[in-house]
């Protein structure tokens, strides 16, 4: 992996005939890429965070209700088909 001079991006070695970097050089390149990606992260505002949390909790409640309803329906169907053991 080598840093491209034109755009500053890190590209895979061997694409332009360069020698493959060593083990420790690849580790350094990996951490540089991780740091570069972390710099792109944007933290949400408090209102966005509250909205996202509400959406996730609402979705979880809806899915819980769906699973509960299907469980209740299937248990009722099995009771009707097989009957209650005496």
Protein backbone atom coordinates (compact mmCIF):
# COMPACT_ATOMS: atom_id res chain seq x y z
CA UNK A 1 0.00 0.00 0.00
CA UNK A 2 1.40 3.29 -1.08
CA UNK A 3 0.12 6.84 -0.84
CA UNK A 4 -0.91 8.19 -4.24
CA UNK A 5 0.89 11.48 -4.97
CA UNK A 6 -1.91 12.95 -7.10
CA UNK A 7 -4.86 12.56 -4.75
CA UNK A 8 -3.21 11.69 -1.44
CA UNK A 9 -5.17 8.42 -1.18
CA UNK A 10 -3.51 5.24 -0.03
CA UNK A 11 -3.65 2.62 -2.77
CA UNK A 12 -2.67 -1.04 -2.97
CA UNK A 13 0.95 -1.80 -3.77
CA UNK A 14 1.76 -3.59 -6.98
CA UNK A 15 -0.59 -1.52 -9.09
CA UNK A 16 2.24 0.64 -10.39
CA UNK A 17 5.08 -1.88 -10.01
CA UNK A 18 6.24 -0.92 -6.51
CA UNK A 19 7.52 -3.44 -4.00
CA UNK A 20 5.05 -4.72 -1.37
CA UNK A 21 5.59 -2.96 1.97
CA UNK A 22 6.75 -4.96 4.97
CA UNK A 23 4.66 -6.21 7.86
CA UNK A 24 5.18 -3.20 10.13
CA UNK A 25 4.68 -0.76 7.25
CA UNK A 26 1.31 -2.35 6.54
CA UNK A 27 0.35 -1.98 10.21
CA UNK A 28 1.31 1.71 10.10
CA UNK A 29 -0.71 2.20 6.89
CA UNK A 30 -3.69 0.46 8.51
CA UNK A 31 -3.64 2.78 11.52
CA UNK A 32 -3.27 5.83 9.26
CA UNK A 33 -6.33 4.71 7.31
CA UNK A 34 -8.27 4.16 10.54
CA UNK A 35 -7.39 7.65 11.78
CA UNK A 36 -8.32 9.14 8.39
CA UNK A 37 -11.73 7.45 8.55
CA UNK A 38 -12.30 8.52 12.14
CA UNK A 39 -11.72 12.14 11.14
CA UNK A 40 -14.68 11.82 8.76
CA UNK A 41 -17.07 10.82 11.56
CA UNK A 42 -19.68 13.44 12.43
CA UNK A 43 -21.29 13.21 15.85
CA UNK A 44 -25.04 13.86 15.92
CA UNK A 45 -26.54 16.80 17.76
CA UNK A 46 -28.58 16.18 20.89
CA UNK A 47 -31.89 16.55 19.03
CA UNK A 48 -30.74 14.16 16.27
CA UNK A 49 -29.62 11.67 18.89
CA UNK A 50 -33.00 11.81 20.64
CA UNK A 51 -34.83 11.36 17.31
CA UNK A 52 -32.65 8.40 16.33
CA UNK A 53 -33.14 6.82 19.75
CA UNK A 54 -36.91 7.27 19.52
CA UNK A 55 -36.99 5.70 16.06
CA UNK A 56 -34.95 2.69 17.21
CA UNK A 57 -37.06 2.17 20.33
CA UNK A 58 -40.26 2.53 18.31
CA UNK A 59 -39.04 -0.04 15.79
CA UNK A 60 -38.10 -2.45 18.58
CA UNK A 61 -41.57 -2.10 20.16
CA UNK A 62 -43.27 -2.72 16.81
CA UNK A 63 -41.13 -5.80 16.15
CA UNK A 64 -41.81 -7.11 19.68
CA UNK A 65 -45.54 -6.71 19.09
CA UNK A 66 -45.26 -8.50 15.74
CA UNK A 67 -43.36 -11.44 17.23
CA UNK A 68 -45.78 -11.62 20.17
CA UNK A 69 -48.76 -11.58 17.79
CA UNK A 70 -47.31 -14.33 15.60
CA UNK A 71 -46.46 -16.42 18.67
CA UNK A 72 -49.99 -16.04 19.99
CA UNK A 73 -51.46 -16.89 16.55
CA UNK A 74 -49.31 -20.00 16.10
CA UNK A 75 -50.06 -21.25 19.61
CA UNK A 76 -53.80 -20.76 18.98
CA UNK A 77 -53.58 -22.60 15.63
CA UNK A 78 -51.71 -25.54 17.18
CA UNK A 79 -54.28 -25.71 19.99
CA UNK A 80 -57.14 -25.77 17.43
CA UNK A 81 -55.45 -28.35 15.20
CA UNK A 82 -54.09 -30.71 17.83
CA UNK A 83 -56.49 -29.98 20.69
CA UNK A 84 -55.68 -29.58 24.35
CA UNK A 85 -54.21 -32.74 25.90
CA UNK A 86 -56.48 -34.13 28.60
